Amino acid sequence: MIFDTNILIYADRGVVSAKELLMDTPQRAISAVTYMEYVPFCRNKRELAIFEKMLKALRFTIYEIDVDISYQARQIVKRYALSHSMEMGDALIAATALAKNETLCTSNSKHFVVVKGLVLENYKPTI
């Protein structure tokens, strides 16, 4: 399962259900875009080191942006940017899930629901 940036942020902010979701998922992945979106949430290098340690300890796969993902993201933006305000980061994350044939877990499913063929798991934070 690929996790959207918002799931990692909820876990970082102490939302127990987000932490449990991450811990209970046997195969965890993120897009390189999610990594790049998350890093600015770190307040210092110590927090960044903790984030990277968590990714390693939980054996996250980080999918790099390749030619196929780039092409699919461009098609998603072309199709949905004007009609649904699809942004580059979300298009790249969706394209990654499609290219890797993985479910995308997000709390912002409205950003992704229009993408045909994308399998979503909608997360609602509970405290």
N, C-alpha and C. Protein backbone atom coordinates (compact mmCIF):
# COMPACT_ATOMS: atom_id res chain seq x y z
N MET A 1 0.84 -1.18 0.00
CA MET A 1 0.00 0.00 0.00
C MET A 1 0.88 1.24 0.00
N ILE A 2 0.49 2.21 -0.82
CA ILE A 2 1.19 3.48 -0.87
C ILE A 2 0.44 4.46 0.03
N PHE A 3 1.18 5.15 0.86
CA PHE A 3 0.58 6.13 1.77
C PHE A 3 0.79 7.54 1.24
N ASP A 4 -0.30 8.31 1.28
CA ASP A 4 -0.23 9.72 0.93
C ASP A 4 0.44 10.47 2.08
N THR A 5 0.93 11.63 1.79
CA THR A 5 1.65 12.46 2.77
C THR A 5 0.83 12.71 4.03
N ASN A 6 -0.46 12.92 3.86
CA ASN A 6 -1.29 13.27 5.02
C ASN A 6 -1.33 12.16 6.08
N ILE A 7 -1.18 10.92 5.69
CA ILE A 7 -1.18 9.83 6.66
C ILE A 7 0.07 9.93 7.55
N LEU A 8 1.21 10.21 6.94
CA LEU A 8 2.45 10.35 7.70
C LEU A 8 2.37 11.56 8.64
N ILE A 9 1.74 12.62 8.20
CA ILE A 9 1.60 13.81 9.04
C ILE A 9 0.70 13.52 10.23
N TYR A 10 -0.40 12.82 10.01
CA TYR A 10 -1.27 12.44 11.13
C TYR A 10 -0.50 11.59 12.15
N ALA A 11 0.26 10.63 11.66
CA ALA A 11 1.04 9.78 12.56
C ALA A 11 2.04 10.60 13.35
N ASP A 12 2.70 11.52 12.66
CA ASP A 12 3.69 12.38 13.31
C ASP A 12 3.05 13.26 14.39
N ARG A 13 1.83 13.67 14.15
CA ARG A 13 1.13 14.53 15.12
C ARG A 13 0.49 13.74 16.26
N GLY A 14 0.73 12.44 16.28
CA GLY A 14 0.29 11.63 17.41
C GLY A 14 -1.08 11.01 17.26
N VAL A 15 -1.66 11.01 16.07
CA VAL A 15 -2.96 10.38 15.87
C VAL A 15 -2.76 8.86 15.91
N VAL A 16 -3.27 8.26 16.96
CA VAL A 16 -3.03 6.84 17.22
C VAL A 16 -3.51 5.97 16.06
N SER A 17 -4.68 6.27 15.51
CA SER A 17 -5.20 5.43 14.42
C SER A 17 -4.29 5.47 13.20
N ALA A 18 -3.64 6.59 12.95
CA ALA A 18 -2.70 6.67 11.83
C ALA A 18 -1.45 5.84 12.12
N LYS A 19 -0.96 5.93 13.34
CA LYS A 19 0.19 5.12 13.73
C LYS A 19 -0.13 3.63 13.61
N GLU A 20 -1.32 3.25 14.08
CA GLU A 20 -1.73 1.84 14.01
C GLU A 20 -1.86 1.39 12.56
N LEU A 21 -2.41 2.24 11.71
CA LEU A 21 -2.53 1.90 10.30
C LEU A 21 -1.16 1.62 9.70
N LEU A 22 -0.21 2.48 9.97
CA LEU A 22 1.15 2.27 9.45
C LEU A 22 1.76 0.99 10.00
N MET A 23 1.58 0.77 11.29
CA MET A 23 2.18 -0.42 11.93
C MET A 23 1.52 -1.71 11.46
N ASP A 24 0.22 -1.67 11.19
CA ASP A 24 -0.53 -2.88 10.85
C ASP A 24 -0.51 -3.23 9.37
N THR A 25 0.07 -2.37 8.55
CA THR A 25 0.15 -2.64 7.12
C THR A 25 1.46 -3.37 6.83
N PRO A 26 1.37 -4.58 6.28
CA PRO A 26 2.59 -5.37 6.11
C PRO A 26 3.57 -4.82 5.06
N GLN A 27 3.06 -4.28 3.97
CA GLN A 27 3.95 -3.75 2.94
C GLN A 27 3.63 -2.27 2.76
N ARG A 28 4.59 -1.42 3.14
CA ARG A 28 4.40 0.02 3.14
C ARG A 28 5.25 0.66 2.07
N ALA A 29 4.66 1.67 1.42
CA ALA A 29 5.41 2.39 0.39
C ALA A 29 4.96 3.84 0.37
N ILE A 30 5.84 4.68 -0.17
CA ILE A 30 5.51 6.06 -0.46
C ILE A 30 6.12 6.42 -1.80
N SER A 31 5.57 7.44 -2.40
CA SER A 31 6.17 8.01 -3.60
C SER A 31 7.32 8.91 -3.18
N ALA A 32 8.27 9.09 -4.05
CA ALA A 32 9.34 10.06 -3.78
C ALA A 32 8.74 11.44 -3.55
N VAL A 33 7.59 11.71 -4.17
CA VAL A 33 6.90 12.99 -3.97
C VAL A 33 6.45 13.13 -2.53
N THR A 34 5.93 12.06 -1.94
CA THR A 34 5.51 12.10 -0.54
C THR A 34 6.70 12.43 0.36
N TYR A 35 7.82 11.82 0.08
CA TYR A 35 9.03 12.14 0.85
C TYR A 35 9.32 13.63 0.77
N MET A 36 9.30 14.17 -0.45
CA MET A 36 9.63 15.58 -0.66
C MET A 36 8.58 16.51 -0.06
N GLU A 37 7.31 16.07 -0.02
CA GLU A 37 6.27 16.87 0.61
C GLU A 37 6.40 16.85 2.14
N TYR A 38 6.85 15.73 2.68
CA TYR A 38 6.91 15.57 4.13
C TYR A 38 8.09 16.32 4.76
N VAL A 39 9.23 16.31 4.11
CA VAL A 39 10.44 16.90 4.70
C VAL A 39 10.23 18.33 5.19
N PRO A 40 9.53 19.20 4.47
CA PRO A 40 9.33 20.57 4.98
C PRO A 40 8.52 20.63 6.29
N PHE A 41 7.81 19.54 6.63
CA PHE A 41 7.09 19.51 7.91
C PHE A 41 8.03 19.29 9.09
N CYS A 42 9.23 18.80 8.80
CA CYS A 42 10.22 18.61 9.86
C CYS A 42 10.73 19.98 10.28
N ARG A 43 10.81 20.19 11.58
CA ARG A 43 11.23 21.50 12.08
C ARG A 43 12.75 21.66 12.15
N ASN A 44 13.46 20.52 12.10
CA ASN A 44 14.92 20.59 12.19
C ASN A 44 15.51 19.27 11.68
N LYS A 45 16.83 19.19 11.67
CA LYS A 45 17.50 17.98 11.15
C LYS A 45 17.25 16.76 12.03
N ARG A 46 17.04 16.99 13.31
CA ARG A 46 16.74 15.88 14.22
C ARG A 46 15.42 15.21 13.83
N GLU A 47 14.39 16.03 13.56
CA GLU A 47 13.10 15.47 13.15
C GLU A 47 13.21 14.77 11.80
N LEU A 48 14.01 15.31 10.90
CA LEU A 48 14.23 14.65 9.62
C LEU A 48 14.90 13.29 9.83
N ALA A 49 15.88 13.24 10.72
CA ALA A 49 16.56 11.97 11.01
C ALA A 49 15.58 10.95 11.59
N ILE A 50 14.69 11.41 12.46
CA ILE A 50 13.67 10.51 13.04
C ILE A 50 12.76 9.97 11.94
N PHE A 51 12.35 10.85 11.03
CA PHE A 51 11.50 10.44 9.90
C PHE A 51 12.21 9.38 9.06
N GLU A 52 13.46 9.62 8.72
CA GLU A 52 14.19 8.65 7.91
C GLU A 52 14.41 7.34 8.64
N LYS A 53 14.63 7.42 9.95
CA LYS A 53 14.79 6.20 10.76
C LYS A 53 13.48 5.40 10.77
N MET A 54 12.35 6.09 10.87
CA MET A 54 11.05 5.42 10.84
C MET A 54 10.84 4.71 9.50
N LEU A 55 11.16 5.40 8.40
CA LEU A 55 11.01 4.78 7.08
C LEU A 55 11.84 3.51 6.98
N LYS A 56 13.05 3.57 7.50
CA LYS A 56 13.94 2.40 7.45
C LYS A 56 13.45 1.29 8.37
N ALA A 57 13.09 1.65 9.60
CA ALA A 57 12.65 0.64 10.58
C ALA A 57 11.38 -0.09 10.12
N LEU A 58 10.48 0.64 9.48
CA LEU A 58 9.23 0.03 9.02
C LEU A 58 9.34 -0.50 7.59
N ARG A 59 10.55 -0.44 7.04
CA ARG A 59 10.85 -1.00 5.72
C ARG A 59 9.95 -0.44 4.62
N PHE A 60 9.80 0.87 4.62
CA PHE A 60 9.05 1.52 3.56
C PHE A 60 9.82 1.40 2.26
N THR A 61 9.10 1.13 1.19
CA THR A 61 9.65 1.25 -0.15
C THR A 61 9.39 2.69 -0.59
N ILE A 62 10.39 3.32 -1.17
CA ILE A 62 10.21 4.65 -1.74
C ILE A 62 10.31 4.49 -3.25
N TYR A 63 9.18 4.73 -3.92
CA TYR A 63 9.16 4.62 -5.38
C TYR A 63 9.64 5.91 -6.01
N GLU A 64 10.69 5.80 -6.78
CA GLU A 64 11.23 6.96 -7.49
C GLU A 64 10.36 7.26 -8.70
N ILE A 65 10.44 8.48 -9.16
CA ILE A 65 9.69 8.89 -10.34
C ILE A 65 10.47 8.44 -11.57
N ASP A 66 9.87 7.57 -12.34
CA ASP A 66 10.53 7.09 -13.55
C ASP A 66 9.76 7.60 -14.78
N VAL A 67 10.16 7.16 -15.94
CA VAL A 67 9.55 7.62 -17.19
C VAL A 67 8.06 7.26 -17.23
N ASP A 68 7.71 6.06 -16.82
CA ASP A 68 6.31 5.62 -16.86
C ASP A 68 5.45 6.46 -15.91
N ILE A 69 5.94 6.68 -14.71
CA ILE A 69 5.21 7.48 -13.74
C ILE A 69 5.06 8.92 -14.23
N SER A 70 6.13 9.47 -14.76
CA SER A 70 6.08 10.83 -15.30
C SER A 70 5.05 10.94 -16.41
N TYR A 71 5.06 9.99 -17.33
CA TYR A 71 4.11 10.01 -18.45
C TYR A 71 2.68 9.92 -17.93
N GLN A 72 2.42 8.96 -17.03
CA GLN A 72 1.06 8.81 -16.49
C GLN A 72 0.62 10.06 -15.74
N ALA A 73 1.50 10.66 -14.99
CA ALA A 73 1.16 11.88 -14.25
C ALA A 73 0.79 13.01 -15.22
N ARG A 74 1.52 13.11 -16.31
CA ARG A 74 1.18 14.14 -17.32
C ARG A 74 -0.20 13.90 -17.90
N GLN A 75 -0.54 12.65 -18.14
CA GLN A 75 -1.87 12.34 -18.66
C GLN A 75 -2.96 12.67 -17.63
N ILE A 76 -2.68 12.40 -16.37
CA ILE A 76 -3.64 12.71 -15.31
C ILE A 76 -3.85 14.22 -15.21
N VAL A 77 -2.76 14.98 -15.24
CA VAL A 77 -2.87 16.44 -15.17
C VAL A 77 -3.63 16.96 -16.40
N LYS A 78 -3.30 16.46 -17.56
CA LYS A 78 -3.97 16.89 -18.79
C LYS A 78 -5.47 16.64 -18.70
N ARG A 79 -5.83 15.50 -18.15
CA ARG A 79 -7.24 15.13 -18.09
C ARG A 79 -8.00 15.87 -16.98
N TYR A 80 -7.34 16.11 -15.82
CA TYR A 80 -8.09 16.55 -14.64
C TYR A 80 -7.70 17.91 -14.05
N ALA A 81 -6.65 18.53 -14.55
CA ALA A 81 -6.22 19.81 -13.95
C ALA A 81 -7.28 20.89 -14.12
N LEU A 82 -7.81 21.02 -15.30
CA LEU A 82 -8.77 22.09 -15.56
C LEU A 82 -10.15 21.79 -14.99
N SER A 83 -10.54 20.54 -14.99
CA SER A 83 -11.89 20.18 -14.53
C SER A 83 -11.96 19.90 -13.03
N HIS A 84 -10.87 19.42 -12.44
CA HIS A 84 -10.90 19.00 -11.03
C HIS A 84 -9.74 19.55 -10.21
N SER A 85 -9.02 20.51 -10.74
CA SER A 85 -7.90 21.15 -10.03
C SER A 85 -6.81 20.16 -9.60
N MET A 86 -6.58 19.16 -10.43
CA MET A 86 -5.53 18.18 -10.12
C MET A 86 -4.18 18.87 -10.15
N GLU A 87 -3.43 18.72 -9.07
CA GLU A 87 -2.11 19.34 -8.96
C GLU A 87 -1.01 18.32 -9.23
N MET A 88 0.17 18.85 -9.52
CA MET A 88 1.30 18.01 -9.90
C MET A 88 1.61 16.92 -8.87
N GLY A 89 1.72 17.30 -7.59
CA GLY A 89 2.09 16.32 -6.56
C GLY A 89 1.10 15.18 -6.48
N ASP A 90 -0.18 15.50 -6.46
CA ASP A 90 -1.20 14.45 -6.40
C ASP A 90 -1.20 13.60 -7.66
N ALA A 91 -0.97 14.21 -8.81
CA ALA A 91 -0.91 13.45 -10.06
C ALA A 91 0.26 12.47 -10.04
N LEU A 92 1.40 12.91 -9.53
CA LEU A 92 2.56 12.02 -9.44
C LEU A 92 2.33 10.88 -8.45
N ILE A 93 1.69 11.18 -7.33
CA ILE A 93 1.40 10.14 -6.34
C ILE A 93 0.40 9.14 -6.92
N ALA A 94 -0.65 9.62 -7.58
CA ALA A 94 -1.63 8.74 -8.21
C ALA A 94 -0.97 7.89 -9.29
N ALA A 95 -0.14 8.51 -10.11
CA ALA A 95 0.55 7.79 -11.17
C ALA A 95 1.47 6.71 -10.61
N THR A 96 2.08 6.99 -9.48
CA THR A 96 2.94 6.00 -8.83
C THR A 96 2.12 4.79 -8.41
N ALA A 97 0.98 5.03 -7.78
CA ALA A 97 0.11 3.92 -7.36
C ALA A 97 -0.36 3.11 -8.56
N LEU A 98 -0.74 3.79 -9.63
CA LEU A 98 -1.17 3.09 -10.84
C LEU A 98 -0.03 2.27 -11.44
N ALA A 99 1.14 2.89 -11.57
CA ALA A 99 2.29 2.20 -12.19
C ALA A 99 2.74 1.00 -11.38
N LYS A 100 2.64 1.10 -10.07
CA LYS A 100 3.09 0.02 -9.19
C LYS A 100 1.97 -0.93 -8.82
N ASN A 101 0.76 -0.67 -9.36
CA ASN A 101 -0.41 -1.51 -9.12
C ASN A 101 -0.68 -1.68 -7.62
N GLU A 102 -0.66 -0.54 -6.92
CA GLU A 102 -0.87 -0.54 -5.48
C GLU A 102 -2.07 0.32 -5.10
N THR A 103 -2.63 0.02 -3.95
CA THR A 103 -3.69 0.84 -3.37
C THR A 103 -3.06 2.10 -2.79
N LEU A 104 -3.74 3.22 -2.95
CA LEU A 104 -3.30 4.48 -2.37
C LEU A 104 -4.17 4.78 -1.16
N CYS A 105 -3.54 4.90 0.00
CA CYS A 105 -4.24 5.25 1.24
C CYS A 105 -4.08 6.74 1.48
N THR A 106 -5.22 7.44 1.61
CA THR A 106 -5.21 8.89 1.77
C THR A 106 -6.40 9.33 2.61
N SER A 107 -6.28 10.49 3.22
CA SER A 107 -7.44 11.09 3.87
C SER A 107 -8.03 12.18 2.98
N ASN A 108 -7.45 12.36 1.82
CA ASN A 108 -7.94 13.34 0.85
C ASN A 108 -8.40 12.64 -0.43
N SER A 109 -9.31 11.70 -0.29
CA SER A 109 -9.72 10.93 -1.46
C SER A 109 -10.35 11.81 -2.54
N LYS A 110 -10.91 12.97 -2.15
CA LYS A 110 -11.51 13.86 -3.17
C LYS A 110 -10.47 14.32 -4.18
N HIS A 111 -9.20 14.33 -3.79
CA HIS A 111 -8.14 14.73 -4.73
C HIS A 111 -7.88 13.65 -5.77
N PHE A 112 -8.25 12.42 -5.46
CA PHE A 112 -7.86 11.29 -6.30
C PHE A 112 -9.02 10.51 -6.92
N VAL A 113 -10.23 10.69 -6.42
CA VAL A 113 -11.36 9.85 -6.81
C VAL A 113 -11.65 9.90 -8.31
N VAL A 114 -11.28 10.96 -8.98
CA VAL A 114 -11.56 11.08 -10.41
C VAL A 114 -10.62 10.24 -11.28
N VAL A 115 -9.52 9.79 -10.72
CA VAL A 115 -8.51 9.08 -11.52
C VAL A 115 -8.98 7.65 -11.78
N LYS A 116 -9.25 7.38 -13.03
CA LYS A 116 -9.75 6.06 -13.42
C LYS A 116 -8.70 4.98 -13.16
N GLY A 117 -9.16 3.88 -12.59
CA GLY A 117 -8.29 2.74 -12.34
C GLY A 117 -7.52 2.81 -11.03
N LEU A 118 -7.56 3.94 -10.36
CA LEU A 118 -6.83 4.09 -9.10
C LEU A 118 -7.65 3.49 -7.96
N VAL A 119 -7.03 2.59 -7.21
CA VAL A 119 -7.69 1.97 -6.07
C VAL A 119 -7.33 2.77 -4.83
N LEU A 120 -8.36 3.24 -4.13
CA LEU A 120 -8.17 4.10 -2.97
C LEU A 120 -8.63 3.42 -1.69
N GLU A 121 -7.93 3.70 -0.62
CA GLU A 121 -8.39 3.38 0.72
C GLU A 121 -8.48 4.71 1.44
N ASN A 122 -9.69 5.07 1.83
CA ASN A 122 -9.91 6.35 2.48
C ASN A 122 -9.68 6.20 3.99
N TYR A 123 -8.77 7.00 4.51
CA TYR A 123 -8.48 6.99 5.94
C TYR A 123 -9.16 8.21 6.59
N LYS A 124 -9.88 7.94 7.65
CA LYS A 124 -10.47 9.02 8.45
C LYS A 124 -9.83 8.99 9.82
N PRO A 125 -9.15 10.07 10.19
CA PRO A 125 -8.44 10.07 11.47
C PRO A 125 -9.38 10.00 12.66
N THR A 126 -9.05 9.13 13.59
CA THR A 126 -9.77 9.05 14.86
C THR A 126 -8.72 9.18 15.97
N ILE A 127 -9.11 9.84 17.02
CA ILE A 127 -8.16 10.09 18.10
C ILE A 127 -8.35 9.12 19.23
